[in-house]
Amino acid sequence: MRDYKKEYKEYHGKPEQIKKRAERNTARAESGLKKGDKKEVDHKTPLSKGGSPAKSNTRVVSRITNRKKYNK
């Protein structure tokens, strides 16, 4: 049986993950996306490739488009 509390504590509860989640939520709010909206904020140049979290590096796309791109 899966222990969700343990998973959260060991991964999602780490300061690094909390910071990333806050950054995603900030980007969504700045783009006008609301909770439950099926669109996502995409970084034109991924953060993992040295892109910035600035508004000029983001765009709103469908979830499918964003997930296909991953960090290419």
C-alpha atoms as a PDB file:
ATOM      1  CA  MET A   1       0.000   0.000   0.000  1.00  0.00           C
ATOM      2  CA  ARG A   2       1.265   3.445  -0.914  1.00  0.00           C
ATOM      3  CA  ASP A   3       2.221   5.766   1.959  1.00  0.00           C
ATOM      4  CA  TYR A   4       1.326   9.230   0.669  1.00  0.00           C
ATOM      5  CA  LYS A   5       2.349  11.047   3.842  1.00  0.00           C
ATOM      6  CA  LYS A   6       5.810   9.501   3.667  1.00  0.00           C
ATOM      7  CA  GLU A   7       6.128  10.385  -0.045  1.00  0.00           C
ATOM      8  CA  TYR A   8       5.159  13.983   0.665  1.00  0.00           C
ATOM      9  CA  LYS A   9       7.573  14.272   3.548  1.00  0.00           C
ATOM     10  CA  GLU A  10      10.485  12.747   1.638  1.00  0.00           C
ATOM     11  CA  TYR A  11       9.995  14.622  -1.635  1.00  0.00           C
ATOM     12  CA  HIS A  12       7.269  17.243  -1.859  1.00  0.00           C
ATOM     13  CA  GLY A  13       7.919  18.619   1.611  1.00  0.00           C
ATOM     14  CA  LYS A  14      11.572  19.470   0.907  1.00  0.00           C
ATOM     15  CA  PRO A  15      12.377  23.199   0.806  1.00  0.00           C
ATOM     16  CA  GLU A  16      13.595  22.909  -2.797  1.00  0.00           C
ATOM     17  CA  GLN A  17      10.257  21.442  -3.949  1.00  0.00           C
ATOM     18  CA  ILE A  18       8.250  23.947  -1.909  1.00  0.00           C
ATOM     19  CA  LYS A  19      10.160  26.784  -3.602  1.00  0.00           C
ATOM     20  CA  LYS A  20       9.531  25.330  -7.084  1.00  0.00           C
ATOM     21  CA  ARG A  21       5.820  24.921  -6.315  1.00  0.00           C
ATOM     22  CA  ALA A  22       5.622  28.549  -5.149  1.00  0.00           C
ATOM     23  CA  GLU A  23       7.327  29.705  -8.366  1.00  0.00           C
ATOM     24  CA  ARG A  24       4.831  27.735 -10.481  1.00  0.00           C
ATOM     25  CA  ASN A  25       1.899  29.184  -8.552  1.00  0.00           C
ATOM     26  CA  THR A  26       3.284  32.725  -8.958  1.00  0.00           C
ATOM     27  CA  ALA A  27       3.707  32.233 -12.714  1.00  0.00           C
ATOM     28  CA  ARG A  28       0.133  30.942 -12.980  1.00  0.00           C
ATOM     29  CA  ALA A  29      -1.251  33.904 -11.042  1.00  0.00           C
ATOM     30  CA  GLU A  30       0.721  36.423 -13.109  1.00  0.00           C
ATOM     31  CA  SER A  31      -0.615  34.842 -16.307  1.00  0.00           C
ATOM     32  CA  GLY A  32      -4.210  35.058 -15.113  1.00  0.00           C
ATOM     33  CA  LEU A  33      -4.756  31.307 -14.759  1.00  0.00           C
ATOM     34  CA  LYS A  34      -7.114  30.174 -12.061  1.00  0.00           C
ATOM     35  CA  LYS A  35      -7.273  26.958 -10.055  1.00  0.00           C
ATOM     36  CA  GLY A  36      -8.787  24.191 -12.149  1.00  0.00           C
ATOM     37  CA  ASP A  37      -7.840  25.840 -15.451  1.00  0.00           C
ATOM     38  CA  LYS A  38      -6.634  23.200 -17.907  1.00  0.00           C
ATOM     39  CA  LYS A  39      -3.923  25.451 -19.327  1.00  0.00           C
ATOM     40  CA  GLU A  40      -0.372  25.720 -18.008  1.00  0.00           C
ATOM     41  CA  VAL A  41       2.435  28.248 -18.011  1.00  0.00           C
ATOM     42  CA  ASP A  42       5.237  27.176 -20.327  1.00  0.00           C
ATOM     43  CA  HIS A  43       8.753  28.567 -20.178  1.00  0.00           C
ATOM     44  CA  LYS A  44      10.014  29.236 -23.704  1.00  0.00           C
ATOM     45  CA  THR A  45      13.540  28.490 -22.511  1.00  0.00           C
ATOM     46  CA  PRO A  46      13.179  25.914 -19.702  1.00  0.00           C
ATOM     47  CA  LEU A  47      14.447  26.830 -16.248  1.00  0.00           C
ATOM     48  CA  SER A  48      16.532  23.644 -16.324  1.00  0.00           C
ATOM     49  CA  LYS A  49      18.325  24.992 -19.422  1.00  0.00           C
ATOM     50  CA  GLY A  50      19.090  28.390 -17.875  1.00  0.00           C
ATOM     51  CA  GLY A  51      15.844  30.184 -18.729  1.00  0.00           C
ATOM     52  CA  SER A  52      14.499  32.846 -16.432  1.00  0.00           C
ATOM     53  CA  PRO A  53      11.168  32.900 -14.606  1.00  0.00           C
ATOM     54  CA  ALA A  54      10.509  36.382 -16.085  1.00  0.00           C
ATOM     55  CA  LYS A  55       7.165  37.025 -17.751  1.00  0.00           C
ATOM     56  CA  SER A  56       8.935  37.552 -21.098  1.00  0.00           C
ATOM     57  CA  ASN A  57      10.052  33.892 -20.983  1.00  0.00           C
ATOM     58  CA  THR A  58       6.584  32.464 -20.319  1.00  0.00           C
ATOM     59  CA  ARG A  59       3.477  31.718 -22.350  1.00  0.00           C
ATOM     60  CA  VAL A  60       0.134  30.043 -21.663  1.00  0.00           C
ATOM     61  CA  VAL A  61      -0.360  26.742 -23.512  1.00  0.00           C
ATOM     62  CA  SER A  62      -2.519  23.658 -23.211  1.00  0.00           C
ATOM     63  CA  ARG A  63      -1.426  20.965 -20.779  1.00  0.00           C
ATOM     64  CA  ILE A  64      -0.819  18.504 -23.633  1.00  0.00           C
ATOM     65  CA  THR A  65       1.467  20.942 -25.476  1.00  0.00           C
ATOM     66  CA  ASN A  66       3.447  21.708 -22.352  1.00  0.00           C
ATOM     67  CA  ARG A  67       3.879  18.065 -21.357  1.00  0.00           C
ATOM     68  CA  LYS A  68       5.028  17.087 -24.859  1.00  0.00           C
ATOM     69  CA  LYS A  69       7.715  19.764 -24.775  1.00  0.00           C
ATOM     70  CA  TYR A  70       9.130  18.666 -21.380  1.00  0.00           C
ATOM     71  CA  ASN A  71      12.505  20.499 -21.213  1.00  0.00           C
ATOM     72  CA  LYS A  72      13.583  20.508 -24.861  1.00  0.00           C
END
